[in-house]
Amino acid sequence: MTLFNNSIFKNSYLVVCAISTLLLSACGGDSGGGSGAAATPAPATATKMEDLVVPDGFDYNPMGDYELDIDISSITTARSFVSVYTRFSIKNDSSYKPDYSSKVIAGSLNSGTFDSSFSAPSVEDEFLVEVWFFDDQPPLQQVFSTSESQLTW
């Protein structure tokens, strides 16, 4: 019985040693497949409010106020609809493709005129203004800079 107990002890000891060796080799060391030493983040520097410099005229408001005036009555007074977008792309034919989820204002023209005020995010550089007609012709399109608060067409 002592031999049996001794044999079980030796086998158990060998299994524990083998598992321990595998675990230690899996956890430590560089196997050569890593990306090297981890980058140390730059330390943050403490800044006091008195040290901050804000340029003159800086506006903390992320929204801009705009006035849109459209008068295409010299072109047409047909029934039409206007939409303004903050995001758009240029198509291969040099026309614009609006991102319809970025529409900030829309409305119908009355005898070829439209006048409205609206607010939009001031982080965009340009607006796309489209005038749509109800006879399936392509829309009239014009791009305006967001640096101007008065958009006149």
Protein backbone atom coordinates (compact mmCIF):
# COMPACT_ATOMS: atom_id res chain seq x y z
CA MET A 1 0.00 0.00 0.00
CA THR A 2 2.89 2.31 0.61
CA LEU A 3 4.13 1.68 -2.90
CA PHE A 4 0.69 2.55 -4.35
CA ASN A 5 0.45 5.74 -2.33
CA ASN A 6 4.01 6.61 -3.28
CA SER A 7 3.26 5.99 -6.99
CA ILE A 8 0.12 8.18 -6.89
CA PHE A 9 2.10 10.89 -5.15
CA LYS A 10 4.87 10.77 -7.79
CA ASN A 11 2.36 10.83 -10.68
CA SER A 12 0.45 13.70 -9.11
CA TYR A 13 3.69 15.57 -8.53
CA LEU A 14 4.72 15.10 -12.18
CA VAL A 15 1.33 16.29 -13.47
CA VAL A 16 1.41 19.40 -11.22
CA CYS A 17 4.96 20.20 -12.35
CA ALA A 18 4.05 19.79 -16.03
CA ILE A 19 0.98 22.03 -15.72
CA SER A 20 2.92 24.64 -13.74
CA THR A 21 5.64 24.73 -16.38
CA LEU A 22 3.08 25.19 -19.15
CA LEU A 23 1.29 27.97 -17.28
CA LEU A 24 4.49 29.82 -16.48
CA SER A 25 5.78 29.64 -20.04
CA ALA A 26 2.42 30.86 -21.40
CA CYS A 27 2.28 33.85 -19.06
CA GLY A 28 5.78 35.20 -19.14
CA GLY A 29 8.46 36.22 -21.54
CA ASP A 30 8.41 37.56 -25.03
CA SER A 31 7.71 34.92 -27.62
CA GLY A 32 8.90 37.22 -30.41
CA GLY A 33 5.38 37.69 -31.80
CA GLY A 34 4.56 40.80 -29.81
CA SER A 35 4.95 44.38 -30.86
CA GLY A 36 7.74 45.13 -28.42
CA ALA A 37 7.63 47.35 -25.39
CA ALA A 38 4.34 49.03 -24.58
CA ALA A 39 4.28 52.76 -25.26
CA THR A 40 4.21 54.88 -22.14
CA PRO A 41 1.55 57.59 -22.33
CA ALA A 42 2.75 61.15 -22.04
CA PRO A 43 2.19 62.57 -18.58
CA ALA A 44 -0.65 65.06 -18.31
CA THR A 45 0.39 68.55 -17.37
CA ALA A 46 -1.69 70.41 -14.85
CA THR A 47 -3.07 73.71 -16.14
CA LYS A 48 -4.65 76.44 -14.13
CA MET A 49 -7.57 78.46 -15.46
CA GLU A 50 -5.37 81.54 -15.31
CA ASP A 51 -2.99 79.90 -17.84
CA LEU A 52 -5.65 79.37 -20.53
CA VAL A 53 -5.72 81.82 -23.43
CA VAL A 54 -8.90 82.28 -25.45
CA PRO A 55 -8.67 84.28 -28.68
CA ASP A 56 -10.71 87.46 -28.99
CA GLY A 57 -14.08 86.80 -30.61
CA PHE A 58 -14.09 83.07 -29.73
CA ASP A 59 -17.65 81.80 -29.43
CA TYR A 60 -18.40 78.86 -27.14
CA ASN A 61 -21.77 78.31 -28.79
CA PRO A 62 -21.58 75.33 -31.20
CA MET A 63 -24.64 76.59 -33.09
CA GLY A 64 -24.81 79.41 -35.59
CA ASP A 65 -27.81 81.56 -36.48
CA TYR A 66 -28.50 82.06 -40.18
CA GLU A 67 -30.95 83.92 -42.39
CA LEU A 68 -31.88 82.37 -45.75
CA ASP A 69 -33.39 84.62 -48.45
CA ILE A 70 -34.21 83.07 -51.83
CA ASP A 71 -35.71 84.94 -54.75
CA ILE A 72 -35.79 82.96 -58.00
CA SER A 73 -38.93 84.70 -59.24
CA SER A 74 -37.00 86.01 -62.27
CA ILE A 75 -36.31 82.37 -63.24
CA THR A 76 -39.62 80.78 -62.30
CA THR A 77 -42.60 81.15 -60.00
CA ALA A 78 -43.56 77.49 -60.40
CA ARG A 79 -44.43 75.48 -57.33
CA SER A 80 -41.14 74.56 -55.58
CA PHE A 81 -39.63 73.40 -52.34
CA VAL A 82 -36.31 74.28 -50.65
CA SER A 83 -34.06 72.16 -48.42
CA VAL A 84 -30.80 73.10 -46.67
CA TYR A 85 -28.20 70.46 -45.75
CA THR A 86 -25.00 70.66 -43.70
CA ARG A 87 -23.37 67.56 -45.23
CA PHE A 88 -23.12 66.65 -48.89
CA SER A 89 -20.75 65.22 -51.50
CA ILE A 90 -19.94 65.97 -55.12
CA LYS A 91 -21.14 63.47 -57.71
CA ASN A 92 -19.25 62.54 -60.88
CA ASP A 93 -21.39 64.92 -62.96
CA SER A 94 -20.34 67.83 -60.64
CA SER A 95 -23.77 68.07 -59.05
CA TYR A 96 -24.20 67.67 -55.32
CA LYS A 97 -25.59 64.72 -53.40
CA PRO A 98 -27.00 65.78 -50.02
CA ASP A 99 -26.82 63.68 -46.88
CA TYR A 100 -30.55 63.69 -46.22
CA SER A 101 -30.04 63.12 -42.48
CA SER A 102 -28.28 66.51 -42.26
CA LYS A 103 -31.29 68.61 -43.33
CA VAL A 104 -31.59 71.68 -41.11
CA ILE A 105 -34.50 73.51 -42.71
CA ALA A 106 -37.06 72.95 -45.47
CA GLY A 107 -40.08 74.75 -46.78
CA SER A 108 -42.01 75.75 -49.87
CA LEU A 109 -41.32 78.77 -52.00
CA ASN A 110 -44.16 81.23 -52.51
CA SER A 111 -44.11 82.70 -56.04
CA GLY A 112 -40.37 81.95 -56.24
CA THR A 113 -39.39 83.44 -52.87
CA PHE A 114 -38.47 82.02 -49.48
CA ASP A 115 -37.32 83.80 -46.32
CA SER A 116 -36.53 82.07 -43.03
CA SER A 117 -34.18 82.03 -40.07
CA PHE A 118 -32.61 78.85 -38.74
CA SER A 119 -29.90 77.52 -36.45
CA ALA A 120 -27.34 74.92 -37.47
CA PRO A 121 -24.10 73.44 -36.13
CA SER A 122 -21.26 75.87 -36.79
CA VAL A 123 -18.71 73.05 -37.17
CA GLU A 124 -19.64 72.54 -40.84
CA ASP A 125 -17.92 74.68 -43.51
CA GLU A 126 -20.69 74.88 -46.07
CA PHE A 127 -24.42 74.51 -46.64
CA LEU A 128 -26.04 72.96 -49.68
CA VAL A 129 -29.28 74.69 -50.64
CA GLU A 130 -31.54 72.85 -53.08
CA VAL A 131 -34.69 74.13 -54.74
CA TRP A 132 -36.89 71.29 -55.95
CA PHE A 133 -39.68 71.53 -58.49
CA PHE A 134 -42.68 69.25 -58.80
CA ASP A 135 -42.17 68.49 -62.51
CA ASP A 136 -39.25 66.02 -62.13
CA GLN A 137 -36.55 68.41 -63.34
CA PRO A 138 -33.23 68.33 -61.45
CA PRO A 139 -33.05 70.68 -58.46
CA LEU A 140 -31.32 74.02 -58.51
CA GLN A 141 -28.33 73.78 -56.17
CA GLN A 142 -26.10 76.35 -54.55
CA VAL A 143 -23.40 76.07 -51.88
CA PHE A 144 -22.96 78.74 -49.21
CA SER A 145 -20.21 79.23 -46.65
CA THR A 146 -21.25 78.86 -43.00
CA SER A 147 -18.99 81.82 -42.16
CA GLU A 148 -21.73 84.08 -43.54
CA SER A 149 -24.89 84.44 -41.47
CA GLN A 150 -26.89 85.95 -44.37
CA LEU A 151 -27.48 83.45 -47.20
CA THR A 152 -28.96 85.22 -50.23
CA TRP A 153 -29.82 83.56 -53.53
